[in-house]
């Protein structure tokens, strides 16, 4: 085991995985009865906290320039093949059951042809992979500036997005934001 290995992170990841499996196994009406939004559905946020912890830990060990040379190649080979396998399987599902489909630019940012409750997770993961190192670098240069900008940008997005036609007709775009 590496000296930087943390069993706590693996335990939290394991609990989050169990929560996702339970959430997807429960009927929708039952998950509402047990108020799953207060416990089980938080696993999504937990995954991104863990990604942030491991990303900043890894970025802190290397210079940003050195890290970025290997970062995107590693992430590509870790996530893109799995994405294409799942994309292809969901596409085959549509073809097999003769379900009408339309491929669009949304597929390029991670939306599967088959709609699903967690469909936005892949798009958000791609955004974290792309913007995570940039936000880390910005935080190192100006922690207060980065925090203020991201809070203002998030606030403005929440205020403005309900009035944008594109988000009203496609909730995927709203959910799959950074």
Protein backbone atom coordinates (compact mmCIF):
# COMPACT_ATOMS: atom_id res chain seq x y z
CA UNK A 1 0.00 0.00 0.00
CA UNK A 2 1.09 3.52 -0.75
CA UNK A 3 1.98 5.79 2.14
CA UNK A 4 -0.76 8.16 0.89
CA UNK A 5 -3.43 5.45 0.96
CA UNK A 6 -6.40 6.29 3.15
CA UNK A 7 -8.70 3.50 4.27
CA UNK A 8 -11.22 6.12 5.43
CA UNK A 9 -11.75 7.26 1.84
CA UNK A 10 -12.34 3.67 0.74
CA UNK A 11 -14.85 3.14 3.56
CA UNK A 12 -16.77 6.29 2.63
CA UNK A 13 -16.68 5.28 -1.07
CA UNK A 14 -18.01 1.85 -0.13
CA UNK A 15 -20.87 3.33 1.91
CA UNK A 16 -21.72 5.71 -0.94
CA UNK A 17 -21.75 2.81 -3.42
CA UNK A 18 -24.08 0.85 -1.14
CA UNK A 19 -26.34 3.91 -0.88
CA UNK A 20 -26.50 4.23 -4.68
CA UNK A 21 -27.37 0.54 -5.06
CA UNK A 22 -30.06 0.81 -2.38
CA UNK A 23 -31.45 3.99 -3.95
CA UNK A 24 -31.75 2.36 -7.36
CA UNK A 25 -33.24 -0.80 -5.88
CA UNK A 26 -35.99 0.98 -3.94
CA UNK A 27 -39.31 1.76 -5.57
CA UNK A 28 -39.74 5.50 -6.02
CA UNK A 29 -42.70 5.76 -3.64
CA UNK A 30 -40.74 3.97 -0.90
CA UNK A 31 -37.69 6.21 -1.22
CA UNK A 32 -39.99 9.22 -0.76
CA UNK A 33 -41.60 7.67 2.34
CA UNK A 34 -38.22 7.17 4.04
CA UNK A 35 -37.05 10.69 3.08
CA UNK A 36 -34.11 9.35 1.08
CA UNK A 37 -33.11 12.87 0.03
CA UNK A 38 -31.77 13.34 3.58
CA UNK A 39 -29.51 10.28 3.58
CA UNK A 40 -29.29 7.91 0.58
CA UNK A 41 -29.31 10.51 -2.20
CA UNK A 42 -26.42 12.36 -0.58
CA UNK A 43 -24.10 9.70 -2.01
CA UNK A 44 -23.81 11.77 -5.20
CA UNK A 45 -22.35 14.69 -3.26
CA UNK A 46 -20.10 12.33 -1.30
CA UNK A 47 -18.58 10.98 -4.52
CA UNK A 48 -17.64 14.50 -5.60
CA UNK A 49 -16.21 15.39 -2.20
CA UNK A 50 -14.02 12.29 -2.46
CA UNK A 51 -13.01 13.22 -6.02
CA UNK A 52 -12.07 16.69 -4.73
CA UNK A 53 -10.03 15.26 -1.86
CA UNK A 54 -8.11 12.85 -4.07
CA UNK A 55 -7.64 15.45 -6.82
CA UNK A 56 -6.23 18.11 -4.50
CA UNK A 57 -4.07 15.52 -2.74
CA UNK A 58 -2.66 14.41 -6.07
CA UNK A 59 -2.24 17.95 -7.43
CA UNK A 60 -0.44 18.97 -4.23
CA UNK A 61 2.33 16.41 -4.84
CA UNK A 62 3.32 17.63 -8.30
CA UNK A 63 3.66 20.85 -10.20
CA UNK A 64 0.53 21.68 -12.16
CA UNK A 65 2.40 21.53 -15.47
CA UNK A 66 3.83 18.06 -14.73
CA UNK A 67 0.54 16.82 -13.36
CA UNK A 68 -1.56 17.94 -16.31
CA UNK A 69 0.70 16.05 -18.73
CA UNK A 70 -0.37 12.74 -17.18
CA UNK A 71 -3.70 13.75 -15.63
CA UNK A 72 -5.88 13.91 -18.74
CA UNK A 73 -4.36 10.76 -20.27
CA UNK A 74 -5.05 8.78 -17.07
CA UNK A 75 -8.58 10.14 -16.77
CA UNK A 76 -9.27 9.43 -20.42
CA UNK A 77 -8.29 5.78 -20.11
CA UNK A 78 -10.14 5.44 -16.82
CA UNK A 79 -13.53 6.92 -17.75
CA UNK A 80 -13.96 7.24 -21.52
CA UNK A 81 -13.90 3.51 -22.40
CA UNK A 82 -16.50 2.77 -19.69
CA UNK A 83 -18.61 5.67 -20.94
CA UNK A 84 -18.55 4.35 -24.51
CA UNK A 85 -19.46 0.81 -23.40
CA UNK A 86 -22.44 2.15 -21.43
CA UNK A 87 -23.40 4.51 -24.26
CA UNK A 88 -23.31 1.64 -26.76
CA UNK A 89 -25.33 -0.64 -24.44
CA UNK A 90 -28.00 2.01 -23.93
CA UNK A 91 -28.11 2.59 -27.67
CA UNK A 92 -28.55 -1.17 -28.29
CA UNK A 93 -31.39 -1.15 -25.74
CA UNK A 94 -33.19 1.50 -27.77
CA UNK A 95 -32.67 -0.36 -31.02
CA UNK A 96 -33.72 -3.73 -29.56
CA UNK A 97 -36.96 -2.39 -28.10
CA UNK A 98 -37.66 -0.15 -31.13
CA UNK A 99 -37.67 2.99 -29.01
CA UNK A 100 -37.31 6.18 -31.07
CA UNK A 101 -34.15 8.10 -30.36
CA UNK A 102 -32.33 11.18 -31.51
CA UNK A 103 -28.62 11.66 -31.13
CA UNK A 104 -27.63 15.23 -30.36
CA UNK A 105 -24.83 17.39 -29.06
CA UNK A 106 -25.92 16.42 -25.54
CA UNK A 107 -24.49 12.97 -26.18
CA UNK A 108 -21.08 14.57 -26.61
CA UNK A 109 -21.20 15.96 -23.07
CA UNK A 110 -22.16 12.66 -21.48
CA UNK A 111 -25.88 12.15 -21.92
CA UNK A 112 -26.84 8.56 -22.66
CA UNK A 113 -29.49 7.81 -25.29
CA UNK A 114 -31.65 6.23 -22.56
CA UNK A 115 -32.88 8.72 -19.95
CA UNK A 116 -32.16 7.80 -16.37
CA UNK A 117 -32.21 9.36 -12.93
CA UNK A 118 -28.42 9.48 -12.63
CA UNK A 119 -27.71 10.26 -16.26
CA UNK A 120 -26.17 13.61 -15.37
CA UNK A 121 -23.47 12.03 -13.15
CA UNK A 122 -21.16 11.30 -16.10
CA UNK A 123 -21.42 14.86 -17.43
CA UNK A 124 -20.65 16.34 -14.03
CA UNK A 125 -17.72 13.92 -13.68
CA UNK A 126 -16.37 15.11 -17.05
CA UNK A 127 -16.74 18.73 -15.90
CA UNK A 128 -14.86 18.01 -12.66
CA UNK A 129 -12.07 16.34 -14.63
CA UNK A 130 -11.75 19.37 -16.92
CA UNK A 131 -12.32 22.21 -14.43
CA UNK A 132 -10.93 20.62 -11.23
CA UNK A 133 -7.25 21.35 -11.90
CA UNK A 134 -8.12 24.89 -13.05
CA UNK A 135 -10.09 25.58 -9.86
CA UNK A 136 -7.24 24.13 -7.77
CA UNK A 137 -4.69 26.34 -9.51
CA UNK A 138 -6.97 29.37 -9.07
CA UNK A 139 -7.48 28.53 -5.39
CA UNK A 140 -3.71 28.38 -4.87
CA UNK A 141 -3.30 31.82 -6.51
CA UNK A 142 -6.29 33.55 -4.89
CA UNK A 143 -8.44 31.51 -2.48
CA UNK A 144 -10.83 34.36 -1.68
CA UNK A 145 -11.17 35.44 -5.33
CA UNK A 146 -11.94 31.90 -6.47
CA UNK A 147 -14.45 31.35 -3.68
CA UNK A 148 -16.23 34.67 -4.26
CA UNK A 149 -16.37 34.16 -8.04
CA UNK A 150 -17.71 30.59 -7.79
CA UNK A 151 -20.36 31.58 -5.23
CA UNK A 152 -21.52 34.52 -7.36
CA UNK A 153 -21.51 32.39 -10.54
CA UNK A 154 -23.51 29.66 -8.81
CA UNK A 155 -26.00 32.16 -7.42
CA UNK A 156 -26.46 33.83 -10.80
CA UNK A 157 -26.91 30.46 -12.49
CA UNK A 158 -29.64 29.50 -10.02
CA UNK A 159 -31.42 32.84 -10.49
CA UNK A 160 -31.13 33.02 -14.28
CA UNK A 161 -31.48 29.37 -15.38
CA UNK A 162 -35.24 29.03 -14.70
CA UNK A 163 -35.78 31.82 -17.24
CA UNK A 164 -33.69 30.25 -19.98
CA UNK A 165 -35.75 28.25 -22.45
CA UNK A 166 -32.99 25.68 -23.00
CA UNK A 167 -33.04 24.61 -19.32
CA UNK A 168 -36.84 24.56 -19.11
CA UNK A 169 -37.13 21.97 -21.87
CA UNK A 170 -34.18 19.83 -20.90
CA UNK A 171 -33.54 19.17 -17.22
CA UNK A 172 -30.38 17.24 -18.15
CA UNK A 173 -28.61 20.52 -18.94
CA UNK A 174 -29.66 21.99 -15.62
CA UNK A 175 -28.60 18.95 -13.59
CA UNK A 176 -25.34 18.45 -15.48
CA UNK A 177 -23.71 21.71 -14.54
CA UNK A 178 -20.58 22.33 -12.56
